[in-house]
Amino acid sequence: MNKKRILQFGLVVLLGMLIWGPVAARLASLLLPDADPLQSYLFNKGLFVVLLLAVMSLGGGLKFFGFERGSSWWFLVPGLPFLLLGTAVLFDPNAAFGLSIPATVGWVLVAIFVGIGEESVFRGVLWRAFEASGILVTAFATSALFGAVHLMGLFADIPWQIATSHAVFAFGVGMMFAAVRLVSGSLLAPIMLHAVFDAGAIVAAGGVSELFEDTMSVERLLIPGAVFAAWGLVCILIIRKRRSNACTCASGTSP
């Protein structure tokens, strides 16, 4: 698949992701009219993942988009701030942890589906679409789109302060996940970190809807988002410099 076709494919997948929410809601109302929020999320996110992986398989193959074994566990270094925040969320004194065991399992599955779906789109398909433009462009483009998608909350019942803060937070996470993707050489690493964090946050909050309450502190999103963005950028610049030096050394020793 050439560069133009990959970009076209990426834009189609992104558009499909944007329109999937209303489509899934309509399907759920027809197929699962009495579904509770957890069942609706499982249907929405689970079916999206199934369809997305099928499309990716047809569009170039899962391995082409990053579904392969990572080359290094050093990806935990650029992902460290995210892991620390996840730990802090779990030990937050305001955490609810009021879910039953079946509900906990269900929300963990939702988090896994979200991790697979979002990372497959942004650090998988769109990553390939921008990859030829260089590391920095790829990281910024995929992270900016990742943040922009979270502005969709402006069209829901989510307060604009929370929606925009989530967009900033998502951009920062995207930059950090870009570094994770580069270090590991695999899509599986950001999927794992994404799913683990979301699972902890959702379970601690007592469900997805509680994550978007009016009482959520904007600073709790903006500050980590800025830290993640800065940390991710530093890691990416270091990776780029190391790769540039490696290429220079290889060129200098070639006959």
Protein backbone atom coordinates (compact mmCIF):
# COMPACT_ATOMS: atom_id res chain seq x y z
CA MET A 1 0.00 0.00 0.00
CA ASN A 2 1.57 3.32 -1.11
CA LYS A 3 1.69 6.52 0.96
CA LYS A 4 -1.40 8.07 -0.66
CA ARG A 5 -3.49 4.94 -0.24
CA ILE A 6 -2.44 4.60 3.40
CA LEU A 7 -3.43 8.21 4.11
CA GLN A 8 -6.80 7.72 2.40
CA PHE A 9 -7.34 4.51 4.34
CA GLY A 10 -6.47 6.29 7.60
CA LEU A 11 -8.89 9.13 6.95
CA VAL A 12 -11.69 6.68 6.12
CA VAL A 13 -11.03 4.76 9.35
CA LEU A 14 -11.01 8.01 11.36
CA LEU A 15 -14.29 9.09 9.76
CA GLY A 16 -15.76 5.68 10.54
CA MET A 17 -14.71 6.09 14.17
CA LEU A 18 -16.38 9.51 14.37
CA ILE A 19 -19.72 8.32 13.02
CA TRP A 20 -19.66 5.00 14.84
CA GLY A 21 -21.07 6.40 18.10
CA PRO A 22 -24.50 7.40 16.72
CA VAL A 23 -24.63 4.27 14.56
CA ALA A 24 -23.85 2.02 17.52
CA ALA A 25 -26.40 3.83 19.70
CA ARG A 26 -29.06 3.24 17.06
CA LEU A 27 -28.14 -0.43 16.72
CA ALA A 28 -28.15 -0.88 20.49
CA SER A 29 -31.62 0.68 20.77
CA LEU A 30 -32.90 -1.81 18.19
CA LEU A 31 -31.07 -4.94 19.36
CA LEU A 32 -30.76 -4.22 23.09
CA PRO A 33 -33.65 -1.91 24.01
CA ASP A 34 -33.39 -2.68 27.72
CA ALA A 35 -29.59 -2.50 27.97
CA ASP A 36 -28.01 -0.71 30.92
CA PRO A 37 -25.02 1.66 30.39
CA LEU A 38 -22.46 -1.12 30.87
CA GLN A 39 -24.15 -3.38 28.33
CA SER A 40 -24.40 -0.48 25.87
CA TYR A 41 -20.69 0.29 26.23
CA LEU A 42 -19.75 -3.37 25.79
CA PHE A 43 -21.86 -3.57 22.63
CA ASN A 44 -20.54 -0.28 21.25
CA LYS A 45 -16.83 -0.72 21.96
CA GLY A 46 -16.74 -4.47 21.41
CA LEU A 47 -18.43 -4.41 18.02
CA PHE A 48 -16.26 -1.46 16.94
CA VAL A 49 -13.10 -3.41 17.73
CA VAL A 50 -14.31 -6.46 15.80
CA LEU A 51 -15.16 -4.38 12.73
CA LEU A 52 -11.98 -2.29 12.97
CA LEU A 53 -9.68 -5.32 13.18
CA ALA A 54 -11.49 -6.86 10.20
CA VAL A 55 -11.00 -3.67 8.17
CA MET A 56 -7.33 -3.45 9.19
CA SER A 57 -6.81 -7.09 8.17
CA LEU A 58 -8.19 -6.31 4.74
CA GLY A 59 -6.37 -2.98 4.47
CA GLY A 60 -2.84 -4.23 4.93
CA GLY A 61 -2.82 -6.83 7.65
CA LEU A 62 -2.66 -6.49 11.43
CA LYS A 63 1.12 -6.92 11.49
CA PHE A 64 1.51 -4.07 9.00
CA PHE A 65 -0.27 -1.74 11.43
CA GLY A 66 1.81 -2.80 14.44
CA PHE A 67 0.23 -5.95 15.88
CA GLU A 68 3.49 -7.74 16.50
CA ARG A 69 5.72 -8.55 19.41
CA GLY A 70 7.57 -5.54 20.78
CA SER A 71 11.32 -5.35 20.42
CA SER A 72 12.00 -3.93 23.89
CA TRP A 73 10.49 -3.50 27.34
CA TRP A 74 12.13 -0.08 27.54
CA PHE A 75 8.78 1.35 26.44
CA LEU A 76 7.95 1.38 30.17
CA VAL A 77 10.35 4.32 30.56
CA PRO A 78 8.44 6.80 28.33
CA GLY A 79 5.22 5.34 29.73
CA LEU A 80 6.31 5.79 33.37
CA PRO A 81 4.38 9.05 34.08
CA PHE A 82 1.20 7.38 32.85
CA LEU A 83 1.78 4.38 35.10
CA LEU A 84 2.43 6.66 38.07
CA LEU A 85 -0.81 8.56 37.43
CA GLY A 86 -2.69 5.27 37.15
CA THR A 87 -1.30 4.20 40.53
CA ALA A 88 -2.31 7.55 42.04
CA VAL A 89 -5.84 7.12 40.67
CA LEU A 90 -6.17 3.72 42.31
CA PHE A 91 -5.03 5.08 45.68
CA ASP A 92 -7.08 8.28 45.46
CA PRO A 93 -8.95 8.69 48.78
CA ASN A 94 -12.00 9.86 46.80
CA ALA A 95 -12.11 6.69 44.70
CA ALA A 96 -15.51 5.01 44.84
CA PHE A 97 -14.76 1.32 44.15
CA GLY A 98 -18.46 0.63 44.55
CA LEU A 99 -18.87 -1.78 41.64
CA SER A 100 -19.89 -5.40 41.97
CA ILE A 101 -17.54 -8.10 40.68
CA PRO A 102 -19.55 -8.68 37.45
CA ALA A 103 -19.69 -4.92 36.83
CA THR A 104 -15.96 -4.61 37.49
CA VAL A 105 -15.23 -7.36 34.97
CA GLY A 106 -17.55 -5.70 32.47
CA TRP A 107 -15.92 -2.28 32.78
CA VAL A 108 -12.45 -3.83 32.53
CA LEU A 109 -13.55 -5.40 29.24
CA VAL A 110 -14.79 -2.01 28.09
CA ALA A 111 -11.37 -0.53 28.94
CA ILE A 112 -9.65 -3.27 26.93
CA PHE A 113 -11.92 -2.62 23.94
CA VAL A 114 -11.28 1.12 24.19
CA GLY A 115 -7.53 0.55 24.39
CA ILE A 116 -7.52 -1.72 21.35
CA GLY A 117 -9.89 0.48 19.34
CA GLU A 118 -8.34 3.89 19.98
CA GLU A 119 -4.72 2.77 19.75
CA SER A 120 -5.41 0.78 16.58
CA VAL A 121 -6.80 3.91 14.94
CA PHE A 122 -4.25 6.47 16.14
CA ARG A 123 -1.00 4.58 16.83
CA GLY A 124 -1.85 1.94 14.22
CA VAL A 125 -3.64 3.10 11.08
CA LEU A 126 -2.98 6.86 11.33
CA TRP A 127 0.57 6.20 12.51
CA ARG A 128 1.21 4.39 9.24
CA ALA A 129 -0.51 7.18 7.32
CA PHE A 130 1.90 9.86 8.62
CA GLU A 131 4.98 7.70 9.22
CA ALA A 132 6.75 8.73 6.00
CA SER A 133 6.70 12.38 7.18
CA GLY A 134 9.11 11.70 10.04
CA ILE A 135 8.94 10.94 13.74
CA LEU A 136 7.96 14.41 14.98
CA VAL A 137 5.26 15.00 12.37
CA THR A 138 3.82 11.54 13.00
CA ALA A 139 3.77 12.06 16.76
CA PHE A 140 2.21 15.54 16.60
CA ALA A 141 -0.33 14.67 13.89
CA THR A 142 -1.62 11.50 15.56
CA SER A 143 -1.65 13.15 19.00
CA ALA A 144 -3.47 16.25 17.72
CA LEU A 145 -6.11 14.10 16.06
CA PHE A 146 -6.40 12.01 19.21
CA GLY A 147 -7.01 15.17 21.21
CA ALA A 148 -9.44 16.59 18.65
CA VAL A 149 -11.61 13.46 18.74
CA HIS A 150 -12.12 13.99 22.47
CA LEU A 151 -13.74 17.33 21.67
CA MET A 152 -16.74 15.30 20.51
CA GLY A 153 -17.87 15.61 24.10
CA LEU A 154 -18.86 19.18 23.26
CA PHE A 155 -21.78 17.71 21.31
CA ALA A 156 -22.90 15.63 24.30
CA ASP A 157 -23.93 16.62 27.80
CA ILE A 158 -20.33 17.03 28.94
CA PRO A 159 -19.41 20.56 30.18
CA TRP A 160 -17.11 22.36 27.74
CA GLN A 161 -14.42 22.80 30.40
CA ILE A 162 -14.26 19.04 30.91
CA ALA A 163 -14.40 18.25 27.18
CA THR A 164 -11.58 20.64 26.28
CA SER A 165 -9.53 19.48 29.26
CA HIS A 166 -9.96 15.90 28.10
CA ALA A 167 -8.74 16.96 24.65
CA VAL A 168 -5.59 18.50 26.13
CA PHE A 169 -5.08 15.43 28.31
CA ALA A 170 -5.54 13.16 25.29
CA PHE A 171 -2.99 15.15 23.26
CA GLY A 172 -0.45 14.75 26.05
CA VAL A 173 -1.19 11.04 26.34
CA GLY A 174 -0.85 10.76 22.57
CA MET A 175 2.63 12.28 22.63
CA MET A 176 3.69 9.89 25.35
CA PHE A 177 2.15 6.90 23.58
CA ALA A 178 3.97 7.97 20.41
CA ALA A 179 7.24 7.61 22.34
CA VAL A 180 6.07 4.24 23.68
CA ARG A 181 5.23 3.13 20.14
CA LEU A 182 8.66 4.18 18.88
CA VAL A 183 10.60 2.47 21.67
CA SER A 184 8.66 -0.79 21.56
CA GLY A 185 8.25 -0.94 17.78
CA SER A 186 4.82 -2.40 18.42
CA LEU A 187 1.21 -1.27 18.76
CA LEU A 188 0.69 -3.72 21.61
CA ALA A 189 2.62 -1.60 24.14
CA PRO A 190 0.40 1.51 23.95
CA ILE A 191 -2.68 -0.73 23.85
CA MET A 192 -1.62 -2.38 27.10
CA LEU A 193 -0.86 0.91 28.89
CA HIS A 194 -4.08 2.50 27.61
CA ALA A 195 -6.26 -0.42 28.69
CA VAL A 196 -4.65 -0.76 32.12
CA PHE A 197 -5.01 2.95 32.90
CA ASP A 198 -8.61 3.16 31.67
CA ALA A 199 -9.58 0.05 33.61
CA GLY A 200 -8.17 1.49 36.84
CA ALA A 201 -9.75 4.92 36.29
CA ILE A 202 -13.19 3.54 35.41
CA VAL A 203 -13.30 1.03 38.27
CA ALA A 204 -12.05 3.62 40.77
CA ALA A 205 -14.68 6.11 39.61
CA GLY A 206 -17.48 3.54 39.70
CA GLY A 207 -18.27 3.67 35.97
CA VAL A 208 -17.69 5.75 32.85
CA SER A 209 -20.34 8.40 33.50
CA GLU A 210 -18.70 9.34 36.81
CA LEU A 211 -15.53 10.29 34.93
CA PHE A 212 -17.38 13.21 33.35
CA GLU A 213 -19.03 14.73 36.39
CA ASP A 214 -19.17 18.53 36.66
CA THR A 215 -17.18 18.26 39.88
CA MET A 216 -14.13 16.80 38.11
CA SER A 217 -11.20 19.16 38.55
CA VAL A 218 -10.04 20.65 35.25
CA GLU A 219 -6.54 20.99 36.71
CA ARG A 220 -6.43 17.21 37.24
CA LEU A 221 -6.60 16.87 33.45
CA LEU A 222 -4.70 19.92 32.20
CA ILE A 223 -1.62 19.55 34.40
CA PRO A 224 -1.00 15.83 33.67
CA GLY A 225 -1.76 16.49 30.00
CA ALA A 226 0.92 19.18 29.83
CA VAL A 227 3.40 16.98 31.70
CA PHE A 228 2.71 14.02 29.41
CA ALA A 229 3.12 16.17 26.29
CA ALA A 230 6.44 17.59 27.49
CA TRP A 231 7.73 14.19 28.61
CA GLY A 232 6.66 12.54 25.37
CA LEU A 233 8.33 15.26 23.30
CA VAL A 234 11.60 14.91 25.22
CA CYS A 235 11.54 11.13 24.76
CA ILE A 236 10.78 11.46 21.04
CA LEU A 237 13.61 13.97 20.53
CA ILE A 238 16.03 11.63 22.32
CA ILE A 239 14.86 8.69 20.21
CA ARG A 240 15.24 10.73 17.01
CA LYS A 241 18.74 11.86 17.97
CA ARG A 242 19.84 8.32 18.84
CA ARG A 243 18.50 7.00 15.55
CA SER A 244 20.15 9.83 13.64
CA ASN A 245 23.49 9.08 15.32
CA ALA A 246 23.09 5.38 14.57
CA CYS A 247 22.44 6.14 10.90
CA THR A 248 25.46 8.46 10.79
CA CYS A 249 27.70 5.81 12.30
CA ALA A 250 26.38 3.19 9.88
CA SER A 251 27.02 5.50 6.93
CA GLY A 252 30.51 6.27 8.15
CA THR A 253 31.48 2.62 8.43
CA SER A 254 29.95 1.50 5.14
CA PRO A 255 32.43 0.78 2.32
